[in-house]
C-alpha cells in the first residue's frame, strides 16, 4: 500500500498507466532518502487517505507539504525529482519513466550536484550582502551610543540592541559557513567554496591565536589544510606562508590582548605608515598605543611579508643605547656599533617597519638619527610612540583617542567572561559598570586590570572598592596617575602572602620559574615551594600575572 498511487488505491483501472509506475518508483526513492514510505507518520490507514487525496485539495496540499519537509532534512539533491515523481495527481507527475531515469543519471554523473552546489554558493553570496548590511546598521548604532546623548537607563536598552546585532551577525556567519560546506559536499571540486572557507577559517585562526587557545588553533589549522589541498600550488604556498607568519606574530606578540573598537585609528595608522617615512603616535599611558601600532602592521606583515622590529626605548638615555637596540633588532653581531655600521645595514635592508616605543627621553637624538638614515632607504618607515607630540609636522602625528563607551563595555565583558565564564551583565551591573568605566576614563589597560578581578569580586563589589579607594579620590588625574592609581589599587586587593610573592618575584629580570622563586622564598624563610605554587596560581587568576 505504501507504494500504491492514489488512482490505483481508488480502483480507477482505466487511468493506470506509466505514471502509476513512476509513483511507485518515486515512493521507493522517497524511502531510500528518508527511511519510510510517503504517508504521514502515525497514520494507520494509508489506503483510506490515498483514496481521499484525489478529490480533496486540502489533503493534497498537506501531503505535498509533509513530503517536502521530510525531503528537505536530507539535502541530497534528489528532493525535486522525488517530489515530481510522487505528486498526488497523475497530471502533475512525471509522465515518462525515462525522465526519472535521466534525472537519476544526471545526479549520479554530478550535474545535479553541481547545480545544487551553485545554489548554496549563491546563498552564501546573499548572506555576505546581508552581513554587510547588518554591520552598517551596527556601526550606525555604535556611533550614537554615548552617555552624553542619553540616560543610563535608556543606554542599557541600546546596549542590548547592540548585542542583538552581534548575535545576529554570529548566526549569519555560522549559516554562511554551513552553506559553503554544503556546496563542497555536493561538488568538492568547485574551488570558490574552498577559498571562501579558507578566508573564514583564517580569521578564526588569528582570533584563536590571540586568545591563546592551542587546541582550537590546531583544529582550525587542520580544516584549512584540508581545503588547501584543492587549490593551486601557488595559492597554497601563499596561504601556508601567511599561516606561519601569523602564528609567529601572534605567539610572539608583546601585547596579546585583542584590541576593541578602534578600527578608525588602525586605518589612520596604516595610511600614515604608507605615506610618511617617520610617524609619531601619541596618547596617554595605558591607552594601548603600542598595541594599536602592532595591529596596524600585522596585516602588512602577514600579507606582504614586510617585517617589523619592535624596540623599547623606555630605558634609553643616549645615542649609544639606540645604536645597540637597532643592532640587536637587526641581528648585527659586532662588538663596536657605530653610525657607519648602522648606515650600512640600513641601506641594504629591504622594506621594513621600526617601532620605537617610549621615546620621551631620546626623541630629539632619535629624530636626528632617523632623519639621517631614511634618505638611504625609502622603503623603511619608523614609528615613534610617546605620551605627547614630539615635534614632527602635524600630518606626521597621530593622536590615539580613548575607547568609546561601547568598546570599553565590550572589552570589559569579554575579559570578564574569560576570567568567569558565567559572567552576565544585568541592568543593575550594567549601570555600575558604566560608573566604573567613567572613573577609569575608558583606558584599556586599567579596564583589563579591573576585569581580571571578576573571578573574585562582583561588579558591584568592584565599584564599591574603586569608589572608596583613596587612590582615585586623591589622584592628580594627569596622564600617568590613572594607571598608577589602578595598579596601586590592584596591589591592595592582594593577600599579604600574594604581595610578598609578587615583591620577591620582581627581583628577577624578565620571566622566572616556580622552582627559582620557591628557592628564594625558602632562603628568606617565608614559605615553601608548594605554597609559592598556590600563591602564583592565585596571582594568575586575579592580577594579570602571565
Protein backbone atom coordinates (compact mmCIF):
# COMPACT_ATOMS: atom_id res chain seq x y z
CA UNK A 1 0.00 0.00 0.00
CA UNK A 2 2.91 2.37 0.78
CA UNK A 3 3.99 2.36 -2.87
CA UNK A 4 0.49 2.48 -4.40
CA UNK A 5 -0.59 5.57 -6.34
CA UNK A 6 -3.83 7.34 -5.31
CA UNK A 7 -5.61 6.40 -8.60
CA UNK A 8 -4.63 2.78 -8.03
CA UNK A 9 -5.89 2.89 -4.40
CA UNK A 10 -9.27 4.21 -5.63
CA UNK A 11 -9.51 1.42 -8.24
CA UNK A 12 -9.52 3.63 -11.35
CA UNK A 13 -8.08 0.87 -13.50
CA UNK A 14 -8.77 2.74 -16.75
CA UNK A 15 -6.44 5.56 -15.56
CA UNK A 16 -3.50 3.33 -14.70
CA UNK A 17 -0.51 3.98 -16.96
CA UNK A 18 3.24 4.62 -16.86
CA UNK A 19 2.71 7.45 -14.35
CA UNK A 20 1.32 4.90 -11.86
CA UNK A 21 4.63 3.03 -12.01
CA UNK A 22 6.50 6.36 -11.67
CA UNK A 23 4.64 6.97 -8.39
CA UNK A 24 5.75 3.54 -7.12
CA UNK A 25 9.37 4.20 -8.16
CA UNK A 26 9.20 7.68 -6.57
CA UNK A 27 7.91 6.10 -3.36
CA UNK A 28 10.86 3.71 -3.32
CA UNK A 29 13.23 6.65 -3.88
CA UNK A 30 11.49 8.56 -1.06
CA UNK A 31 12.02 5.58 1.26
CA UNK A 32 15.69 5.37 0.31
CA UNK A 33 16.14 9.07 1.11
CA UNK A 34 14.06 9.29 4.30
CA UNK A 35 13.76 5.76 5.68
CA UNK A 36 9.97 5.47 5.29
CA UNK A 37 7.32 5.47 2.59
CA UNK A 38 5.45 8.69 1.70
CA UNK A 39 2.48 8.66 4.05
CA UNK A 40 2.10 10.55 7.30
CA UNK A 41 3.76 9.21 10.40
CA UNK A 42 1.18 7.74 12.73
CA UNK A 43 -1.47 7.29 10.02
CA UNK A 44 -2.80 3.74 10.46
CA UNK A 45 -4.96 3.83 7.33
CA UNK A 46 -2.73 4.83 4.39
CA UNK A 47 -5.14 3.28 1.90
CA UNK A 48 -8.00 5.48 3.15
CA UNK A 49 -6.18 8.82 2.77
CA UNK A 50 -4.84 7.78 -0.62
CA UNK A 51 -8.43 7.34 -1.67
CA UNK A 52 -9.32 10.77 -0.23
CA UNK A 53 -6.37 12.60 -1.76
CA UNK A 54 -7.65 12.57 -5.35
CA UNK A 55 -10.71 14.73 -4.64
CA UNK A 56 -9.60 16.76 -1.59
CA UNK A 57 -7.25 19.68 -2.34
CA UNK A 58 -6.62 20.21 1.40
CA UNK A 59 -5.33 16.65 1.77
CA UNK A 60 -3.19 17.10 -1.37
CA UNK A 61 -1.66 20.30 -0.01
CA UNK A 62 -0.97 18.63 3.32
CA UNK A 63 0.64 15.64 1.61
CA UNK A 64 2.94 17.76 -0.56
CA UNK A 65 3.95 19.92 2.44
CA UNK A 66 4.79 16.87 4.58
CA UNK A 67 6.76 15.24 1.76
CA UNK A 68 8.74 18.44 1.08
CA UNK A 69 9.61 18.86 4.78
CA UNK A 70 10.73 15.24 5.07
CA UNK A 71 12.96 15.50 1.99
CA UNK A 72 14.45 18.88 2.98
CA UNK A 73 16.06 17.35 6.07
CA UNK A 74 18.49 15.30 3.97
CA UNK A 75 19.89 17.70 1.31
CA UNK A 76 20.85 15.05 -1.26
CA UNK A 77 19.99 16.99 -4.41
CA UNK A 78 17.24 14.49 -5.31
CA UNK A 79 14.43 16.29 -3.48
CA UNK A 80 12.82 17.96 -6.54
CA UNK A 81 12.79 14.88 -8.76
CA UNK A 82 11.41 12.72 -5.94
CA UNK A 83 8.60 15.22 -5.29
CA UNK A 84 7.80 15.35 -9.04
CA UNK A 85 7.50 11.56 -9.10
CA UNK A 86 5.01 11.26 -6.21
CA UNK A 87 2.62 14.11 -6.98
CA UNK A 88 -0.91 13.07 -5.84
CA UNK A 89 -2.43 13.91 -9.22
CA UNK A 90 -1.03 11.95 -12.16
CA UNK A 91 -1.45 15.09 -14.32
CA UNK A 92 1.24 16.86 -12.23
CA UNK A 93 3.54 13.84 -12.12
CA UNK A 94 6.47 12.98 -14.37
CA UNK A 95 4.81 11.38 -17.39
CA UNK A 96 7.72 9.31 -18.70
CA UNK A 97 9.90 6.93 -16.70
CA UNK A 98 12.79 7.96 -18.96
CA UNK A 99 12.60 11.45 -17.33
CA UNK A 100 13.07 9.86 -13.92
CA UNK A 101 15.97 7.74 -15.18
CA UNK A 102 17.62 10.79 -16.79
CA UNK A 103 17.32 12.82 -13.57
CA UNK A 104 18.86 9.99 -11.54
CA UNK A 105 21.65 9.52 -14.09
CA UNK A 106 22.44 13.25 -14.06
CA UNK A 107 22.60 13.14 -10.29
CA UNK A 108 24.94 10.16 -10.42
CA UNK A 109 27.06 11.96 -13.03
CA UNK A 110 27.23 15.01 -10.78
CA UNK A 111 25.34 17.55 -12.89
CA UNK A 112 22.56 17.99 -10.36
CA UNK A 113 25.04 18.04 -7.54
CA UNK A 114 26.97 20.86 -9.17
CA UNK A 115 23.75 22.76 -9.72
CA UNK A 116 22.87 22.29 -6.05
CA UNK A 117 26.37 23.41 -5.06
CA UNK A 118 25.92 26.57 -7.12
CA UNK A 119 22.67 27.29 -5.29
CA UNK A 120 24.49 27.09 -1.95
CA UNK A 121 27.26 29.34 -3.26
CA UNK A 122 24.63 31.87 -4.39
CA UNK A 123 23.09 31.64 -0.91
CA UNK A 124 26.49 32.39 0.61
CA UNK A 125 26.83 35.46 -1.63
CA UNK A 126 23.43 36.73 -0.47
CA UNK A 127 24.43 36.09 3.14
CA UNK A 128 27.60 38.15 2.67
CA UNK A 129 25.42 41.03 1.45
CA UNK A 130 23.13 40.64 4.47
CA UNK A 131 26.15 40.59 6.81
CA UNK A 132 27.45 43.85 5.29
CA UNK A 133 24.04 45.49 5.74
CA UNK A 134 23.78 44.38 9.38
CA UNK A 135 27.32 45.60 10.06
CA UNK A 136 26.39 49.01 8.61
CA UNK A 137 23.36 49.16 10.91
CA UNK A 138 25.53 48.08 13.84
CA UNK A 139 28.13 50.78 13.10
CA UNK A 140 25.39 53.42 12.91
CA UNK A 141 24.00 52.29 16.29
CA UNK A 142 27.53 52.32 17.75
CA UNK A 143 28.12 55.89 16.58
CA UNK A 144 25.04 57.01 18.56
CA UNK A 145 25.90 55.02 21.69
CA UNK A 146 27.22 57.71 24.02
CA UNK A 147 26.39 58.60 27.61
CA UNK A 148 26.09 62.31 26.88
CA UNK A 149 23.29 61.73 24.35
CA UNK A 150 21.02 59.57 26.50
CA UNK A 151 20.32 58.46 30.06
CA UNK A 152 21.93 55.39 31.59
CA UNK A 153 18.52 53.70 31.80
CA UNK A 154 17.99 54.07 28.04
CA UNK A 155 21.61 53.15 27.43
CA UNK A 156 21.04 49.65 28.80
CA UNK A 157 18.32 49.04 26.21
CA UNK A 158 20.57 50.36 23.45
CA UNK A 159 23.36 48.08 24.68
CA UNK A 160 21.05 45.07 24.43
CA UNK A 161 20.15 46.15 20.89
CA UNK A 162 23.86 46.20 20.03
CA UNK A 163 24.21 42.70 21.46
CA UNK A 164 21.28 41.58 19.30
CA UNK A 165 23.15 42.88 16.24
CA UNK A 166 26.19 40.88 17.33
CA UNK A 167 24.20 37.69 17.90
CA UNK A 168 22.54 38.10 14.50
CA UNK A 169 25.95 38.52 12.86
CA UNK A 170 27.28 35.42 14.58
CA UNK A 171 24.24 33.44 13.39
CA UNK A 172 24.66 34.73 9.83
CA UNK A 173 28.34 33.78 9.84
CA UNK A 174 27.50 30.27 11.03
CA UNK A 175 24.86 29.95 8.31
CA UNK A 176 27.34 31.27 5.71
CA UNK A 177 29.84 28.61 6.73
CA UNK A 178 27.16 25.89 6.55
CA UNK A 179 26.15 26.97 3.04
CA UNK A 180 29.76 26.75 1.84
CA UNK A 181 30.21 23.36 3.48
CA UNK A 182 27.03 22.11 1.75
CA UNK A 183 28.40 23.37 -1.57
CA UNK A 184 31.58 21.35 -1.01
CA UNK A 185 29.52 18.30 -0.05
CA UNK A 186 27.77 18.43 -3.44
CA UNK A 187 30.77 19.44 -5.55
CA UNK A 188 34.19 19.22 -3.83
CA UNK A 189 35.99 20.38 -6.98
CA UNK A 190 34.49 23.89 -7.03
CA UNK A 191 37.42 25.98 -5.77
CA UNK A 192 35.29 29.01 -4.93
CA UNK A 193 33.82 27.26 -1.88
CA UNK A 194 37.21 26.15 -0.58
CA UNK A 195 38.71 29.64 -0.99
CA UNK A 196 35.79 31.24 0.87
CA UNK A 197 36.07 28.77 3.77
CA UNK A 198 39.84 29.31 3.95
CA UNK A 199 39.20 33.07 4.33
CA UNK A 200 36.66 32.45 7.12
CA UNK A 201 38.89 29.93 8.90
CA UNK A 202 41.90 32.26 8.70
CA UNK A 203 40.02 34.94 10.65
CA UNK A 204 39.15 32.31 13.29
CA UNK A 205 42.79 31.19 13.27
CA UNK A 206 44.00 34.71 14.11
CA UNK A 207 41.42 35.16 16.89
CA UNK A 208 42.27 31.82 18.50
CA UNK A 209 45.99 32.59 18.37
CA UNK A 210 45.33 35.86 20.20
CA UNK A 211 43.18 34.06 22.75
CA UNK A 212 45.99 31.54 23.41
CA UNK A 213 43.79 28.51 22.57
CA UNK A 214 46.25 25.94 21.14
CA UNK A 215 43.74 23.08 20.71
CA UNK A 216 41.34 25.31 18.77
CA UNK A 217 44.26 26.66 16.70
CA UNK A 218 45.30 23.13 15.68
CA UNK A 219 41.70 22.19 14.87
CA UNK A 220 41.26 25.22 12.59
CA UNK A 221 44.67 24.60 11.01
CA UNK A 222 43.63 21.01 10.14
CA UNK A 223 40.47 22.28 8.42
CA UNK A 224 42.45 24.87 6.46
CA UNK A 225 44.99 22.26 5.33
CA UNK A 226 42.16 20.06 4.08
CA UNK A 227 40.74 22.91 1.94
CA UNK A 228 44.23 23.93 0.76
CA UNK A 229 44.60 20.54 -0.97
CA UNK A 230 42.05 21.66 -3.58
CA UNK A 231 43.64 24.95 -4.68
CA UNK A 232 46.65 25.53 -6.94
CA UNK A 233 50.24 25.25 -5.69
CA UNK A 234 50.95 28.98 -5.83
CA UNK A 235 47.90 29.94 -3.74
CA UNK A 236 48.53 27.06 -1.34
CA UNK A 237 52.13 28.15 -0.77
CA UNK A 238 50.98 31.73 -0.15
CA UNK A 239 48.36 30.65 2.41
CA UNK A 240 50.86 28.40 4.21
CA UNK A 241 53.28 31.33 4.41
CA UNK A 242 50.54 33.58 5.81
CA UNK A 243 49.60 30.96 8.43
CA UNK A 244 53.23 30.57 9.51
CA UNK A 245 53.77 34.34 9.68
CA UNK A 246 50.50 34.81 11.57
CA UNK A 247 51.38 32.18 14.17
CA UNK A 248 54.84 33.64 14.68
CA UNK A 249 53.48 37.17 15.04
CA UNK A 250 50.66 36.38 17.44
CA UNK A 251 52.61 33.96 19.64
CA UNK A 252 55.46 36.49 19.96
CA UNK A 253 53.13 39.50 20.15
CA UNK A 254 54.24 41.59 23.15
CA UNK A 255 50.67 42.86 23.60
CA UNK A 256 48.49 39.75 23.28
CA UNK A 257 45.12 41.24 24.28
CA UNK A 258 42.65 41.80 21.44
CA UNK A 259 42.05 45.48 20.74
CA UNK A 260 38.45 46.70 20.73
CA UNK A 261 36.58 49.42 18.98
CA UNK A 262 39.23 51.50 17.23
CA UNK A 263 39.24 50.38 13.57
CA UNK A 264 39.35 54.04 12.50
CA UNK A 265 42.60 54.52 14.43
CA UNK A 266 44.11 51.43 12.81
CA UNK A 267 43.11 52.68 9.34
CA UNK A 268 44.57 56.10 10.13
CA UNK A 269 47.82 54.46 11.27
CA UNK A 270 48.03 52.32 8.13
CA UNK A 271 47.52 55.39 5.93
CA UNK A 272 50.18 57.36 7.84
CA UNK A 273 52.67 54.48 7.70
CA UNK A 274 52.16 54.20 3.94
CA UNK A 275 52.57 57.96 3.39
CA UNK A 276 55.47 59.06 5.66
CA UNK A 277 58.93 57.68 6.49
CA UNK A 278 58.67 58.87 10.12
CA UNK A 279 55.44 58.92 12.12
CA UNK A 280 54.73 59.96 15.71
CA UNK A 281 51.93 58.16 17.58
CA UNK A 282 50.99 59.64 20.95
CA UNK A 283 48.39 59.41 23.69
CA UNK A 284 48.04 58.89 27.47
CA UNK A 285 49.67 55.98 29.30
CA UNK A 286 47.63 52.78 29.31
CA UNK A 287 45.63 53.62 26.21
CA UNK A 288 47.18 50.86 24.07
CA UNK A 289 49.29 52.86 21.60
CA UNK A 290 51.92 50.17 21.00
CA UNK A 291 49.25 47.51 20.63
CA UNK A 292 47.39 49.56 18.02
CA UNK A 293 50.57 50.19 16.02
CA UNK A 294 51.33 46.47 16.02
CA UNK A 295 47.79 45.65 14.94
CA UNK A 296 48.13 48.17 12.10
CA UNK A 297 51.35 46.50 10.94
CA UNK A 298 50.36 42.86 11.34
CA UNK A 299 48.20 42.74 8.21
CA UNK A 300 51.02 44.19 6.12
CA UNK A 301 53.49 41.74 7.66
CA UNK A 302 51.28 38.71 7.04
CA UNK A 303 50.05 39.70 3.57
CA UNK A 304 53.14 41.38 2.10
CA UNK A 305 55.83 39.67 4.19
CA UNK A 306 57.17 43.02 5.44
CA UNK A 307 58.93 42.54 8.82
CA UNK A 308 58.71 44.94 11.74
CA UNK A 309 61.20 45.48 14.55
CA UNK A 310 59.92 46.45 17.99
CA UNK A 311 62.40 48.45 20.08
CA UNK A 312 61.60 49.56 23.63
CA UNK A 313 63.33 52.89 24.36
CA UNK A 314 61.98 53.47 27.87
CA UNK A 315 65.40 52.95 29.48
CA UNK A 316 67.44 54.60 26.71
CA UNK A 317 69.30 57.79 27.55
CA UNK A 318 71.86 58.37 24.76
CA UNK A 319 72.71 57.61 21.13
CA UNK A 320 74.75 54.50 22.02
CA UNK A 321 71.68 52.91 23.59
CA UNK A 322 69.80 53.48 20.33
CA UNK A 323 72.66 52.06 18.22
CA UNK A 324 72.76 48.93 20.36
CA UNK A 325 68.99 48.37 20.22
CA UNK A 326 68.88 48.76 16.43
CA UNK A 327 71.85 46.39 16.10
CA UNK A 328 70.17 43.80 18.35
CA UNK A 329 66.92 44.04 16.39
CA UNK A 330 68.75 43.54 13.08
CA UNK A 331 70.97 40.76 14.45
CA UNK A 332 74.22 42.70 13.94
CA UNK A 333 76.91 40.74 15.83
CA UNK A 334 79.70 43.28 16.17
CA UNK A 335 81.37 44.41 19.37
CA UNK A 336 81.62 48.05 18.31
CA UNK A 337 78.36 49.51 16.95
CA UNK A 338 78.89 52.83 15.18
CA UNK A 339 76.80 55.04 12.95
CA UNK A 340 78.71 53.65 9.94
CA UNK A 341 77.69 50.10 10.84
CA UNK A 342 74.03 51.15 11.27
CA UNK A 343 74.07 53.09 7.99
CA UNK A 344 75.47 50.12 6.05
CA UNK A 345 72.83 47.71 7.32
CA UNK A 346 70.02 50.24 6.95
CA UNK A 347 70.93 50.85 3.33
CA UNK A 348 70.90 47.11 2.47
CA UNK A 349 67.67 46.39 4.32
CA UNK A 350 64.53 45.59 2.34
CA UNK A 351 61.06 47.02 3.14
CA UNK A 352 60.61 47.12 6.93
CA UNK A 353 58.99 48.96 9.82
CA UNK A 354 60.71 50.07 13.02
CA UNK A 355 58.66 50.71 16.17
CA UNK A 356 60.43 52.86 18.76
CA UNK A 357 58.32 52.68 21.92
CA UNK A 358 58.61 55.18 24.80
CA UNK A 359 60.85 57.81 23.17
CA UNK A 360 60.17 60.67 25.64
CA UNK A 361 63.78 60.97 26.84
CA UNK A 362 65.53 60.46 23.50
CA UNK A 363 63.13 61.82 20.90
CA UNK A 364 65.46 64.65 19.77
CA UNK A 365 68.53 62.49 19.15
CA UNK A 366 66.40 59.68 17.70
CA UNK A 367 64.68 62.00 15.21
CA UNK A 368 68.07 63.41 14.20
CA UNK A 369 69.38 59.89 13.61
CA UNK A 370 66.33 58.80 11.62
CA UNK A 371 66.41 61.97 9.51
CA UNK A 372 69.94 60.96 8.52
CA UNK A 373 69.12 57.28 7.89
CA UNK A 374 65.84 57.41 5.98
CA UNK A 375 67.17 59.05 2.77
CA UNK A 376 69.34 55.92 2.42
CA UNK A 377 66.29 53.63 2.13
CA UNK A 378 62.85 54.90 1.14
CA UNK A 379 61.16 51.50 1.78
CA UNK A 380 61.52 51.81 5.57
CA UNK A 381 59.10 53.51 7.95
CA UNK A 382 59.83 54.38 11.59
CA UNK A 383 57.04 54.86 14.13
CA UNK A 384 57.84 56.81 17.31
CA UNK A 385 55.49 56.12 20.22
CA UNK A 386 55.21 58.61 23.08
CA UNK A 387 52.82 60.20 25.55
CA UNK A 388 52.88 63.58 23.82
CA UNK A 389 53.65 65.02 20.34
CA UNK A 390 57.34 65.01 19.53
CA UNK A 391 57.91 67.93 17.19
CA UNK A 392 57.07 66.39 13.82
CA UNK A 393 54.77 68.06 11.30
CA UNK A 394 51.03 67.76 12.18
CA UNK A 395 50.37 65.41 9.26
CA UNK A 396 53.07 63.05 10.64
CA UNK A 397 51.49 62.99 14.09
CA UNK A 398 48.57 60.75 15.11
CA UNK A 399 46.83 61.03 18.46
CA UNK A 400 45.23 57.82 19.78
CA UNK A 401 41.83 58.54 21.37
CA UNK A 402 40.39 56.78 24.40
CA UNK A 403 37.98 53.91 23.87
CA UNK A 404 34.37 54.84 23.11
CA UNK A 405 31.88 53.67 25.74
CA UNK A 406 30.51 50.72 23.73
CA UNK A 407 34.03 49.41 23.06
CA UNK A 408 35.00 49.81 26.72
CA UNK A 409 31.92 47.82 27.74
CA UNK A 410 32.68 45.13 25.16
CA UNK A 411 36.30 44.90 26.31
CA UNK A 412 35.32 44.53 29.97
CA UNK A 413 32.60 41.93 29.26
CA UNK A 414 34.88 39.85 27.01
CA UNK A 415 37.72 39.83 29.54
CA UNK A 416 35.31 39.20 32.42
CA UNK A 417 33.92 36.12 30.65
CA UNK A 418 37.44 34.84 30.16
CA UNK A 419 38.01 35.08 33.92
CA UNK A 420 34.50 33.88 34.86
CA UNK A 421 32.59 32.12 32.02
CA UNK A 422 29.26 32.51 33.86
CA UNK A 423 29.56 36.32 33.90
CA UNK A 424 26.31 38.06 32.85
CA UNK A 425 25.66 41.79 32.59
CA UNK A 426 22.29 42.64 34.17
CA UNK A 427 20.70 46.09 34.22
CA UNK A 428 21.99 46.77 37.75
CA UNK A 429 25.54 45.64 36.99
CA UNK A 430 25.44 47.49 33.65
CA UNK A 431 24.79 50.81 35.40
CA UNK A 432 27.52 50.08 37.96
CA UNK A 433 29.93 49.17 35.17
CA UNK A 434 29.20 52.43 33.32
CA UNK A 435 30.13 54.32 36.51
CA UNK A 436 33.35 52.31 36.84
CA UNK A 437 34.38 52.87 33.24
CA UNK A 438 33.76 56.58 33.61
CA UNK A 439 36.02 56.57 36.67
CA UNK A 440 38.66 54.67 34.70
CA UNK A 441 38.30 57.15 31.81
CA UNK A 442 37.78 54.25 29.36
CA UNK A 443 41.50 53.40 29.42
CA UNK A 444 42.09 49.86 28.04
CA UNK A 445 44.90 48.79 30.38
CA UNK A 446 43.02 49.84 33.52
CA UNK A 447 39.88 48.09 32.23
CA UNK A 448 41.90 44.92 31.67
CA UNK A 449 43.31 45.09 35.19
CA UNK A 450 39.88 45.60 36.77
CA UNK A 451 38.24 42.88 34.63
CA UNK A 452 40.80 40.36 35.87
CA UNK A 453 39.27 40.67 39.36
CA UNK A 454 35.84 39.38 38.24
CA UNK A 455 36.86 35.86 39.24
CA UNK A 456 36.90 37.07 42.88
CA UNK A 457 34.51 40.05 43.01
CA UNK A 458 31.13 41.03 41.57
CA UNK A 459 30.79 44.21 39.52
CA UNK A 460 29.00 45.93 42.42
CA UNK A 461 31.80 44.95 44.82
CA UNK A 462 34.40 46.24 42.36
CA UNK A 463 32.56 49.53 42.03
CA UNK A 464 32.47 49.90 45.82
CA UNK A 465 36.18 49.07 46.15
CA UNK A 466 37.10 51.57 43.45
CA UNK A 467 34.89 54.46 44.51
CA UNK A 468 36.02 54.21 48.14
CA UNK A 469 39.71 53.98 47.25
CA UNK A 470 41.92 56.92 48.19
CA UNK A 471 43.98 56.27 45.06
CA UNK A 472 41.19 57.63 42.90
CA UNK A 473 39.92 60.39 45.15
CA UNK A 474 43.41 61.79 45.66
CA UNK A 475 44.82 61.15 42.17
CA UNK A 476 46.03 64.24 40.34
CA UNK A 477 44.33 62.87 37.18
CA UNK A 478 47.23 63.58 34.84
CA UNK A 479 48.03 61.16 32.02
CA UNK A 480 50.06 58.78 34.21
CA UNK A 481 48.19 58.90 37.50
CA UNK A 482 45.16 56.86 36.42
CA UNK A 483 47.20 53.77 35.55
CA UNK A 484 49.35 54.25 38.66
CA UNK A 485 46.22 54.51 40.81
CA UNK A 486 44.75 51.34 39.31
CA UNK A 487 47.98 49.39 39.85
CA UNK A 488 48.17 50.61 43.46
CA UNK A 489 44.51 49.70 44.00
CA UNK A 490 45.07 46.26 42.49
CA UNK A 491 48.03 45.70 44.82
CA UNK A 492 45.87 46.43 47.84
CA UNK A 493 43.39 43.70 46.85
CA UNK A 494 46.08 41.01 47.19
CA UNK A 495 46.61 38.98 50.34
CA UNK A 496 49.85 39.59 52.30
CA UNK A 497 51.24 36.27 51.02
CA UNK A 498 50.49 37.25 47.43
CA UNK A 499 52.07 40.67 47.93
CA UNK A 500 55.22 39.04 49.33
CA UNK A 501 55.43 36.53 46.48
CA UNK A 502 54.99 39.20 43.82
CA UNK A 503 57.51 41.51 45.51
CA UNK A 504 60.13 38.74 45.74
CA UNK A 505 59.41 37.70 42.14
CA UNK A 506 60.10 41.22 40.95
CA UNK A 507 63.81 40.72 41.71
CA UNK A 508 64.02 38.61 38.53
CA UNK A 509 64.56 40.45 35.27
CA UNK A 510 62.07 39.03 32.78
CA UNK A 511 60.49 35.64 33.48
CA UNK A 512 61.19 33.17 36.27
CA UNK A 513 60.36 29.54 37.05
CA UNK A 514 58.32 28.44 40.06
CA UNK A 515 61.33 26.49 41.29
CA UNK A 516 63.58 29.57 41.20
CA UNK A 517 61.02 31.69 43.03
CA UNK A 518 60.42 28.91 45.56
CA UNK A 519 64.15 28.68 46.27
CA UNK A 520 64.35 32.40 47.02
CA UNK A 521 61.26 32.25 49.26
CA UNK A 522 62.72 29.25 51.13
CA UNK A 523 66.03 31.06 51.55
CA UNK A 524 64.16 34.00 53.06
CA UNK A 525 62.24 31.57 55.33
CA UNK A 526 58.90 32.91 54.10
CA UNK A 527 57.12 29.72 52.90
CA UNK A 528 57.96 26.62 50.88
CA UNK A 529 57.75 25.93 47.16
CA UNK A 530 54.31 24.27 47.33
CA UNK A 531 52.84 27.37 48.99
CA UNK A 532 54.51 29.52 46.35
CA UNK A 533 52.80 27.49 43.60
CA UNK A 534 49.38 28.06 45.16
CA UNK A 535 50.02 31.77 45.55
CA UNK A 536 51.23 32.08 41.95
CA UNK A 537 48.06 30.38 40.70
CA UNK A 538 46.05 32.92 42.67
CA UNK A 539 48.08 35.77 41.16
CA UNK A 540 47.46 34.48 37.65
CA UNK A 541 43.72 34.47 38.38
CA UNK A 542 43.45 37.90 39.97
CA UNK A 543 46.39 40.08 38.98
CA UNK A 544 47.18 39.57 35.28
CA UNK A 545 50.37 37.64 36.02
CA UNK A 546 51.31 35.70 32.90
